[in-house]
N, C-alpha and C. Protein backbone atom coordinates (compact mmCIF):
# COMPACT_ATOMS: atom_id res chain seq x y z
N MET A 1 -16.04 -3.50 -33.69
CA MET A 1 -17.32 -4.17 -33.75
C MET A 1 -17.52 -4.94 -32.45
N ALA A 2 -18.68 -4.83 -31.87
CA ALA A 2 -18.98 -5.54 -30.63
C ALA A 2 -18.98 -7.04 -30.88
N THR A 3 -18.48 -7.79 -29.90
CA THR A 3 -18.42 -9.24 -30.02
C THR A 3 -19.80 -9.83 -30.27
N GLU A 4 -20.83 -9.22 -29.71
CA GLU A 4 -22.19 -9.71 -29.91
C GLU A 4 -22.58 -9.74 -31.40
N MET A 5 -21.88 -8.94 -32.22
CA MET A 5 -22.20 -8.83 -33.64
C MET A 5 -21.21 -9.58 -34.53
N HIS A 6 -20.27 -10.30 -33.91
CA HIS A 6 -19.20 -10.93 -34.69
C HIS A 6 -18.74 -12.19 -33.97
N ASN A 7 -18.69 -13.31 -34.68
CA ASN A 7 -18.19 -14.54 -34.10
C ASN A 7 -16.67 -14.51 -34.11
N LEU A 8 -16.06 -14.67 -32.96
CA LEU A 8 -14.61 -14.55 -32.81
C LEU A 8 -13.83 -15.61 -33.58
N SER A 9 -14.48 -16.70 -33.93
CA SER A 9 -13.80 -17.80 -34.61
C SER A 9 -13.98 -17.77 -36.12
N GLN A 10 -14.76 -16.86 -36.62
CA GLN A 10 -15.01 -16.82 -38.06
C GLN A 10 -14.02 -15.88 -38.74
N TYR A 11 -13.32 -16.43 -39.71
CA TYR A 11 -12.40 -15.63 -40.51
C TYR A 11 -12.26 -16.30 -41.86
N ASP A 12 -11.85 -15.53 -42.85
CA ASP A 12 -11.65 -16.04 -44.20
C ASP A 12 -10.21 -16.53 -44.29
N PRO A 13 -9.98 -17.85 -44.34
CA PRO A 13 -8.61 -18.37 -44.34
C PRO A 13 -7.80 -17.92 -45.55
N THR A 14 -8.45 -17.52 -46.61
CA THR A 14 -7.70 -17.07 -47.79
C THR A 14 -7.10 -15.69 -47.57
N LYS A 15 -7.54 -14.99 -46.53
CA LYS A 15 -7.03 -13.65 -46.25
C LYS A 15 -6.06 -13.62 -45.07
N ILE A 16 -5.73 -14.80 -44.56
CA ILE A 16 -4.84 -14.90 -43.41
C ILE A 16 -3.44 -15.28 -43.87
N ALA A 17 -2.47 -14.57 -43.36
CA ALA A 17 -1.08 -14.84 -43.71
C ALA A 17 -0.66 -16.19 -43.15
N SER A 18 0.23 -16.84 -43.86
CA SER A 18 0.77 -18.11 -43.40
C SER A 18 1.72 -17.89 -42.23
N GLY A 19 1.70 -18.81 -41.31
CA GLY A 19 2.61 -18.75 -40.18
C GLY A 19 3.82 -19.66 -40.35
N GLU A 20 3.98 -20.17 -41.57
CA GLU A 20 5.10 -21.08 -41.82
C GLU A 20 6.42 -20.41 -41.48
N GLY A 21 7.23 -21.12 -40.70
CA GLY A 21 8.54 -20.61 -40.32
C GLY A 21 8.51 -19.62 -39.17
N ARG A 22 7.36 -19.34 -38.63
CA ARG A 22 7.22 -18.37 -37.53
C ARG A 22 7.24 -19.08 -36.18
N LYS A 23 7.71 -18.37 -35.18
CA LYS A 23 7.72 -18.87 -33.81
C LYS A 23 6.84 -17.95 -32.96
N VAL A 24 5.94 -18.60 -32.20
CA VAL A 24 4.97 -17.84 -31.41
C VAL A 24 5.02 -18.31 -29.96
N GLY A 25 5.06 -17.35 -29.06
CA GLY A 25 4.96 -17.63 -27.64
C GLY A 25 3.55 -17.33 -27.17
N ILE A 26 3.02 -18.20 -26.34
CA ILE A 26 1.70 -17.97 -25.74
C ILE A 26 1.88 -18.04 -24.24
N VAL A 27 1.52 -16.97 -23.56
CA VAL A 27 1.52 -16.96 -22.10
C VAL A 27 0.06 -16.83 -21.67
N TYR A 28 -0.36 -17.71 -20.76
CA TYR A 28 -1.76 -17.71 -20.34
C TYR A 28 -1.86 -17.78 -18.82
N ALA A 29 -2.93 -17.21 -18.30
CA ALA A 29 -3.16 -17.18 -16.86
C ALA A 29 -3.87 -18.45 -16.41
N GLU A 30 -3.45 -18.98 -15.28
CA GLU A 30 -4.09 -20.15 -14.68
C GLU A 30 -5.43 -19.77 -14.02
N TRP A 31 -5.56 -18.53 -13.57
CA TRP A 31 -6.81 -18.09 -12.94
C TRP A 31 -7.93 -18.15 -13.97
N ASN A 32 -9.08 -18.64 -13.58
CA ASN A 32 -10.20 -18.89 -14.50
C ASN A 32 -9.78 -19.89 -15.58
N SER A 33 -9.15 -20.96 -15.15
CA SER A 33 -8.52 -21.91 -16.07
C SER A 33 -9.50 -22.57 -17.05
N ASP A 34 -10.75 -22.76 -16.66
CA ASP A 34 -11.71 -23.33 -17.62
C ASP A 34 -11.81 -22.45 -18.87
N ILE A 35 -11.70 -21.17 -18.67
CA ILE A 35 -11.78 -20.21 -19.78
C ILE A 35 -10.42 -20.10 -20.47
N THR A 36 -9.37 -19.90 -19.70
CA THR A 36 -8.06 -19.63 -20.32
C THR A 36 -7.49 -20.84 -21.06
N TYR A 37 -7.78 -22.04 -20.57
CA TYR A 37 -7.31 -23.22 -21.30
C TYR A 37 -7.99 -23.32 -22.66
N ALA A 38 -9.28 -23.02 -22.70
CA ALA A 38 -10.01 -23.05 -23.98
C ALA A 38 -9.48 -21.98 -24.93
N LEU A 39 -9.17 -20.81 -24.41
CA LEU A 39 -8.60 -19.74 -25.24
C LEU A 39 -7.23 -20.15 -25.78
N ARG A 40 -6.40 -20.68 -24.88
CA ARG A 40 -5.06 -21.15 -25.27
C ARG A 40 -5.15 -22.21 -26.36
N ASP A 41 -6.02 -23.19 -26.15
CA ASP A 41 -6.15 -24.28 -27.11
C ASP A 41 -6.68 -23.78 -28.45
N GLY A 42 -7.59 -22.81 -28.42
CA GLY A 42 -8.09 -22.22 -29.66
C GLY A 42 -6.99 -21.52 -30.43
N ALA A 43 -6.14 -20.78 -29.72
CA ALA A 43 -5.02 -20.08 -30.37
C ALA A 43 -4.06 -21.08 -30.99
N ILE A 44 -3.73 -22.12 -30.26
CA ILE A 44 -2.80 -23.13 -30.78
C ILE A 44 -3.37 -23.78 -32.04
N LYS A 45 -4.62 -24.17 -31.98
CA LYS A 45 -5.27 -24.82 -33.13
C LYS A 45 -5.25 -23.91 -34.36
N THR A 46 -5.59 -22.67 -34.18
CA THR A 46 -5.64 -21.74 -35.31
C THR A 46 -4.25 -21.46 -35.86
N LEU A 47 -3.26 -21.33 -34.99
CA LEU A 47 -1.89 -21.14 -35.47
C LEU A 47 -1.45 -22.33 -36.32
N GLN A 48 -1.71 -23.53 -35.82
CA GLN A 48 -1.31 -24.73 -36.55
C GLN A 48 -2.07 -24.87 -37.87
N GLU A 49 -3.34 -24.55 -37.88
CA GLU A 49 -4.13 -24.60 -39.11
C GLU A 49 -3.61 -23.63 -40.16
N ASN A 50 -2.86 -22.64 -39.72
CA ASN A 50 -2.35 -21.62 -40.63
C ASN A 50 -0.83 -21.66 -40.77
N GLY A 51 -0.25 -22.85 -40.56
CA GLY A 51 1.14 -23.07 -40.93
C GLY A 51 2.19 -23.03 -39.83
N VAL A 52 1.83 -22.65 -38.61
CA VAL A 52 2.83 -22.66 -37.54
C VAL A 52 2.97 -24.09 -37.03
N LYS A 53 4.18 -24.60 -37.02
CA LYS A 53 4.42 -25.96 -36.54
C LYS A 53 4.28 -26.02 -35.03
N ALA A 54 3.83 -27.16 -34.53
CA ALA A 54 3.66 -27.36 -33.09
C ALA A 54 4.96 -27.06 -32.34
N ASP A 55 6.09 -27.47 -32.92
CA ASP A 55 7.38 -27.23 -32.28
C ASP A 55 7.77 -25.75 -32.24
N ASP A 56 7.09 -24.93 -33.03
CA ASP A 56 7.38 -23.50 -33.06
C ASP A 56 6.43 -22.68 -32.19
N ILE A 57 5.62 -23.38 -31.39
CA ILE A 57 4.73 -22.72 -30.43
C ILE A 57 5.19 -23.09 -29.03
N THR A 58 5.49 -22.08 -28.24
CA THR A 58 5.89 -22.28 -26.84
C THR A 58 4.78 -21.74 -25.96
N ILE A 59 4.37 -22.53 -24.99
CA ILE A 59 3.36 -22.05 -24.05
C ILE A 59 3.95 -21.99 -22.65
N ALA A 60 3.51 -20.98 -21.91
CA ALA A 60 3.92 -20.81 -20.53
C ALA A 60 2.73 -20.30 -19.74
N SER A 61 2.61 -20.75 -18.51
CA SER A 61 1.51 -20.29 -17.68
C SER A 61 2.02 -19.36 -16.58
N VAL A 62 1.14 -18.48 -16.16
CA VAL A 62 1.40 -17.59 -15.02
C VAL A 62 0.18 -17.72 -14.09
N PRO A 63 0.32 -17.37 -12.82
CA PRO A 63 -0.79 -17.58 -11.89
C PRO A 63 -2.07 -16.81 -12.23
N GLY A 64 -1.95 -15.55 -12.59
CA GLY A 64 -3.14 -14.74 -12.86
C GLY A 64 -2.91 -13.78 -14.00
N SER A 65 -3.93 -13.03 -14.32
CA SER A 65 -3.86 -12.13 -15.47
C SER A 65 -2.85 -11.01 -15.29
N PHE A 66 -2.68 -10.50 -14.08
CA PHE A 66 -1.70 -9.43 -13.88
C PHE A 66 -0.29 -9.90 -14.23
N GLU A 67 -0.01 -11.15 -13.97
CA GLU A 67 1.31 -11.70 -14.25
C GLU A 67 1.58 -11.92 -15.74
N LEU A 68 0.56 -11.75 -16.57
CA LEU A 68 0.75 -11.83 -18.02
C LEU A 68 1.79 -10.83 -18.50
N ILE A 69 1.83 -9.68 -17.85
CA ILE A 69 2.78 -8.64 -18.24
C ILE A 69 4.21 -9.16 -18.13
N PHE A 70 4.55 -9.72 -16.98
CA PHE A 70 5.90 -10.24 -16.79
C PHE A 70 6.17 -11.42 -17.72
N GLY A 71 5.22 -12.35 -17.81
CA GLY A 71 5.41 -13.51 -18.67
C GLY A 71 5.63 -13.12 -20.12
N ALA A 72 4.81 -12.19 -20.60
CA ALA A 72 4.97 -11.73 -21.98
C ALA A 72 6.30 -10.99 -22.16
N SER A 73 6.68 -10.19 -21.17
CA SER A 73 7.94 -9.45 -21.31
C SER A 73 9.14 -10.40 -21.36
N GLN A 74 9.10 -11.47 -20.60
CA GLN A 74 10.20 -12.44 -20.64
C GLN A 74 10.28 -13.12 -22.00
N MET A 75 9.13 -13.44 -22.57
CA MET A 75 9.12 -14.05 -23.91
C MET A 75 9.65 -13.07 -24.94
N VAL A 76 9.20 -11.82 -24.87
CA VAL A 76 9.65 -10.81 -25.83
C VAL A 76 11.16 -10.61 -25.71
N LYS A 77 11.64 -10.45 -24.50
CA LYS A 77 13.07 -10.17 -24.27
C LYS A 77 13.96 -11.34 -24.66
N SER A 78 13.41 -12.54 -24.71
CA SER A 78 14.22 -13.72 -25.07
C SER A 78 14.69 -13.66 -26.52
N GLY A 79 13.96 -12.96 -27.36
CA GLY A 79 14.31 -12.87 -28.77
C GLY A 79 13.99 -14.12 -29.57
N LYS A 80 13.27 -15.05 -28.99
CA LYS A 80 12.99 -16.33 -29.64
C LYS A 80 11.71 -16.33 -30.48
N TYR A 81 10.88 -15.29 -30.36
CA TYR A 81 9.54 -15.35 -30.94
C TYR A 81 9.31 -14.22 -31.93
N ASP A 82 8.44 -14.51 -32.90
CA ASP A 82 8.01 -13.49 -33.86
C ASP A 82 6.78 -12.76 -33.37
N ALA A 83 6.05 -13.36 -32.42
CA ALA A 83 4.89 -12.73 -31.79
C ALA A 83 4.65 -13.44 -30.46
N VAL A 84 4.01 -12.72 -29.55
CA VAL A 84 3.62 -13.27 -28.26
C VAL A 84 2.13 -13.00 -28.07
N ILE A 85 1.40 -14.02 -27.66
CA ILE A 85 -0.03 -13.89 -27.37
C ILE A 85 -0.21 -14.02 -25.86
N ALA A 86 -0.84 -13.02 -25.25
CA ALA A 86 -1.12 -13.03 -23.81
C ALA A 86 -2.60 -13.31 -23.60
N ILE A 87 -2.90 -14.39 -22.86
CA ILE A 87 -4.28 -14.85 -22.70
C ILE A 87 -4.66 -14.88 -21.22
N GLY A 88 -5.77 -14.23 -20.91
CA GLY A 88 -6.28 -14.24 -19.54
C GLY A 88 -7.77 -13.97 -19.52
N CYS A 89 -8.34 -14.05 -18.33
CA CYS A 89 -9.76 -13.81 -18.16
C CYS A 89 -10.00 -13.18 -16.80
N VAL A 90 -10.62 -12.01 -16.81
CA VAL A 90 -11.00 -11.33 -15.58
C VAL A 90 -12.51 -11.14 -15.61
N ILE A 91 -13.17 -11.64 -14.57
CA ILE A 91 -14.63 -11.53 -14.46
C ILE A 91 -14.94 -10.57 -13.32
N ARG A 92 -15.80 -9.61 -13.61
CA ARG A 92 -16.12 -8.58 -12.63
C ARG A 92 -16.70 -9.21 -11.36
N GLY A 93 -16.25 -8.71 -10.23
CA GLY A 93 -16.77 -9.17 -8.94
C GLY A 93 -17.40 -8.00 -8.20
N ASP A 94 -17.39 -8.08 -6.89
CA ASP A 94 -18.03 -7.06 -6.06
C ASP A 94 -17.10 -5.94 -5.63
N THR A 95 -15.82 -6.04 -5.98
CA THR A 95 -14.85 -5.02 -5.55
C THR A 95 -14.19 -4.38 -6.77
N PRO A 96 -13.48 -3.29 -6.58
CA PRO A 96 -12.80 -2.63 -7.72
C PRO A 96 -11.58 -3.39 -8.24
N HIS A 97 -11.26 -4.53 -7.67
CA HIS A 97 -10.10 -5.31 -8.11
C HIS A 97 -10.12 -5.53 -9.63
N PHE A 98 -11.28 -5.83 -10.20
CA PHE A 98 -11.46 -6.02 -11.64
C PHE A 98 -10.86 -4.85 -12.42
N ASP A 99 -11.22 -3.64 -12.00
CA ASP A 99 -10.76 -2.44 -12.72
C ASP A 99 -9.25 -2.29 -12.66
N TYR A 100 -8.67 -2.54 -11.48
CA TYR A 100 -7.22 -2.39 -11.34
C TYR A 100 -6.47 -3.43 -12.18
N ILE A 101 -6.93 -4.65 -12.16
CA ILE A 101 -6.27 -5.70 -12.94
C ILE A 101 -6.39 -5.40 -14.44
N CYS A 102 -7.58 -5.09 -14.89
CA CYS A 102 -7.78 -4.82 -16.33
C CYS A 102 -6.95 -3.63 -16.79
N GLU A 103 -6.95 -2.55 -16.02
CA GLU A 103 -6.16 -1.37 -16.39
C GLU A 103 -4.67 -1.68 -16.38
N GLY A 104 -4.21 -2.42 -15.36
CA GLY A 104 -2.79 -2.75 -15.26
C GLY A 104 -2.32 -3.62 -16.40
N VAL A 105 -3.07 -4.65 -16.72
CA VAL A 105 -2.68 -5.56 -17.80
C VAL A 105 -2.70 -4.81 -19.14
N THR A 106 -3.72 -4.02 -19.36
CA THR A 106 -3.80 -3.25 -20.60
C THR A 106 -2.60 -2.33 -20.75
N ALA A 107 -2.27 -1.59 -19.69
CA ALA A 107 -1.13 -0.67 -19.75
C ALA A 107 0.18 -1.44 -19.93
N GLY A 108 0.34 -2.53 -19.21
CA GLY A 108 1.59 -3.29 -19.30
C GLY A 108 1.82 -3.89 -20.67
N LEU A 109 0.80 -4.51 -21.22
CA LEU A 109 0.94 -5.12 -22.55
C LEU A 109 1.09 -4.04 -23.62
N SER A 110 0.41 -2.92 -23.45
CA SER A 110 0.56 -1.81 -24.39
C SER A 110 1.99 -1.31 -24.39
N GLN A 111 2.59 -1.20 -23.21
CA GLN A 111 3.97 -0.73 -23.10
C GLN A 111 4.94 -1.68 -23.81
N LEU A 112 4.70 -2.96 -23.70
CA LEU A 112 5.54 -3.92 -24.42
C LEU A 112 5.45 -3.69 -25.93
N ASN A 113 4.26 -3.40 -26.42
CA ASN A 113 4.07 -3.20 -27.85
C ASN A 113 4.80 -1.97 -28.37
N VAL A 114 4.90 -0.93 -27.57
CA VAL A 114 5.58 0.28 -28.05
C VAL A 114 7.08 0.26 -27.74
N THR A 115 7.51 -0.62 -26.86
CA THR A 115 8.92 -0.68 -26.48
C THR A 115 9.72 -1.64 -27.34
N TYR A 116 9.10 -2.75 -27.72
CA TYR A 116 9.82 -3.80 -28.44
C TYR A 116 9.28 -3.96 -29.86
N ASP A 117 10.06 -4.62 -30.69
CA ASP A 117 9.70 -4.83 -32.09
C ASP A 117 9.03 -6.18 -32.33
N ILE A 118 8.32 -6.67 -31.35
CA ILE A 118 7.59 -7.94 -31.47
C ILE A 118 6.15 -7.67 -31.08
N PRO A 119 5.19 -8.04 -31.92
CA PRO A 119 3.80 -7.80 -31.54
C PRO A 119 3.39 -8.66 -30.35
N VAL A 120 2.76 -8.01 -29.38
CA VAL A 120 2.19 -8.68 -28.21
C VAL A 120 0.68 -8.55 -28.36
N ILE A 121 0.03 -9.69 -28.50
CA ILE A 121 -1.41 -9.71 -28.80
C ILE A 121 -2.21 -9.76 -27.50
N PHE A 122 -3.18 -8.88 -27.39
CA PHE A 122 -4.01 -8.72 -26.20
C PHE A 122 -5.14 -9.74 -26.23
N GLY A 123 -5.00 -10.79 -25.44
CA GLY A 123 -6.02 -11.83 -25.37
C GLY A 123 -6.67 -11.90 -24.00
N LEU A 124 -6.84 -10.76 -23.36
CA LEU A 124 -7.47 -10.71 -22.05
C LEU A 124 -8.97 -10.51 -22.23
N ILE A 125 -9.74 -11.50 -21.80
CA ILE A 125 -11.19 -11.36 -21.80
C ILE A 125 -11.59 -10.65 -20.51
N THR A 126 -12.36 -9.59 -20.62
CA THR A 126 -12.85 -8.85 -19.46
C THR A 126 -14.38 -8.85 -19.55
N THR A 127 -15.01 -9.58 -18.67
CA THR A 127 -16.46 -9.74 -18.75
C THR A 127 -17.12 -9.46 -17.41
N ASN A 128 -18.41 -9.27 -17.49
CA ASN A 128 -19.20 -9.05 -16.27
C ASN A 128 -19.61 -10.36 -15.62
N THR A 129 -19.72 -11.43 -16.41
CA THR A 129 -20.21 -12.70 -15.87
C THR A 129 -19.41 -13.87 -16.43
N LEU A 130 -19.51 -14.99 -15.73
CA LEU A 130 -18.90 -16.22 -16.21
C LEU A 130 -19.51 -16.64 -17.54
N LEU A 131 -20.81 -16.49 -17.69
CA LEU A 131 -21.47 -16.85 -18.95
C LEU A 131 -20.87 -16.07 -20.12
N GLN A 132 -20.64 -14.79 -19.95
CA GLN A 132 -20.04 -14.00 -21.03
C GLN A 132 -18.65 -14.54 -21.39
N ALA A 133 -17.89 -14.93 -20.39
CA ALA A 133 -16.55 -15.49 -20.65
C ALA A 133 -16.67 -16.82 -21.39
N GLN A 134 -17.61 -17.65 -20.99
CA GLN A 134 -17.82 -18.93 -21.66
C GLN A 134 -18.24 -18.73 -23.11
N GLU A 135 -19.07 -17.74 -23.36
CA GLU A 135 -19.52 -17.47 -24.72
C GLU A 135 -18.37 -17.03 -25.63
N ARG A 136 -17.31 -16.47 -25.05
CA ARG A 136 -16.17 -15.96 -25.80
C ARG A 136 -14.97 -16.91 -25.80
N SER A 137 -15.14 -18.07 -25.19
CA SER A 137 -14.04 -19.04 -25.13
C SER A 137 -14.46 -20.38 -25.73
N GLY A 138 -15.22 -20.30 -26.81
CA GLY A 138 -15.67 -21.49 -27.51
C GLY A 138 -17.17 -21.67 -27.50
N GLY A 139 -17.87 -20.74 -26.90
CA GLY A 139 -19.34 -20.78 -26.86
C GLY A 139 -19.96 -20.14 -28.09
N ARG A 140 -21.14 -19.61 -27.92
CA ARG A 140 -21.92 -19.11 -29.06
C ARG A 140 -21.26 -17.94 -29.80
N LEU A 141 -20.31 -17.26 -29.17
CA LEU A 141 -19.64 -16.14 -29.83
C LEU A 141 -18.27 -16.51 -30.38
N GLY A 142 -17.94 -17.79 -30.33
CA GLY A 142 -16.66 -18.25 -30.85
C GLY A 142 -15.59 -18.27 -29.78
N ASN A 143 -14.34 -18.18 -30.20
CA ASN A 143 -13.22 -18.31 -29.28
C ASN A 143 -12.24 -17.16 -29.53
N LYS A 144 -12.07 -16.32 -28.53
CA LYS A 144 -11.14 -15.19 -28.62
C LYS A 144 -9.71 -15.67 -28.89
N GLY A 145 -9.39 -16.89 -28.49
CA GLY A 145 -8.07 -17.44 -28.79
C GLY A 145 -7.84 -17.57 -30.29
N ASP A 146 -8.88 -17.96 -31.03
CA ASP A 146 -8.78 -18.01 -32.49
C ASP A 146 -8.46 -16.62 -33.04
N GLU A 147 -9.21 -15.63 -32.56
CA GLU A 147 -9.02 -14.26 -33.03
C GLU A 147 -7.61 -13.76 -32.71
N CYS A 148 -7.10 -14.10 -31.55
CA CYS A 148 -5.73 -13.69 -31.18
C CYS A 148 -4.69 -14.31 -32.10
N ALA A 149 -4.88 -15.58 -32.44
CA ALA A 149 -3.95 -16.25 -33.36
C ALA A 149 -3.97 -15.59 -34.74
N VAL A 150 -5.15 -15.29 -35.23
CA VAL A 150 -5.27 -14.63 -36.53
C VAL A 150 -4.58 -13.26 -36.47
N THR A 151 -4.79 -12.54 -35.39
CA THR A 151 -4.14 -11.24 -35.24
C THR A 151 -2.62 -11.38 -35.24
N ALA A 152 -2.12 -12.38 -34.52
CA ALA A 152 -0.66 -12.61 -34.50
C ALA A 152 -0.13 -12.91 -35.90
N LEU A 153 -0.83 -13.76 -36.63
CA LEU A 153 -0.40 -14.10 -37.99
C LEU A 153 -0.35 -12.86 -38.88
N GLN A 154 -1.38 -12.03 -38.78
CA GLN A 154 -1.44 -10.83 -39.61
C GLN A 154 -0.35 -9.83 -39.22
N MET A 155 -0.12 -9.66 -37.92
CA MET A 155 0.91 -8.72 -37.47
C MET A 155 2.31 -9.19 -37.86
N MET A 156 2.56 -10.49 -37.74
CA MET A 156 3.88 -11.01 -38.13
C MET A 156 4.13 -10.79 -39.61
N ALA A 157 3.11 -11.02 -40.42
CA ALA A 157 3.26 -10.88 -41.87
C ALA A 157 3.49 -9.43 -42.26
N GLN A 158 2.82 -8.54 -41.60
CA GLN A 158 2.90 -7.14 -42.00
C GLN A 158 4.13 -6.42 -41.47
N PHE A 159 4.60 -6.82 -40.28
CA PHE A 159 5.64 -6.03 -39.64
C PHE A 159 6.93 -6.77 -39.33
N LYS A 160 7.03 -8.05 -39.65
CA LYS A 160 8.28 -8.79 -39.33
C LYS A 160 8.90 -9.32 -40.60
């Protein structure tokens, strides 16, 4: 479903698995920090609202979205987490750099999901404009960080 047709922060809490006793790693990109901090904070809030203790959430930052791959892989390989959420924001510019970064991050995080037994949640916002990113990081379309946390909770419950 297109984000334009669905608020990223709306979910039925009665259908969300509890995160009690779960440990979650969040790796987020510093690039586009106004967006990524809001996404990170949304994920943390939603995890805590659904039973994950603050002490069971570890956050780490990386310089940019491409580095999410390495950051997430280090969290996964540590064996300390039941799920890892990777959060970043890439806004299209005038060069093909956008395409390379988006494709690279998608492939890298996908590879982690098929290689390891820990869900790695794709929280990379890829937009054409800053306004679109703002709308998806707590604006009129909700917060993708909330959606990522819900996804992590559901994946941990179903597969761990």
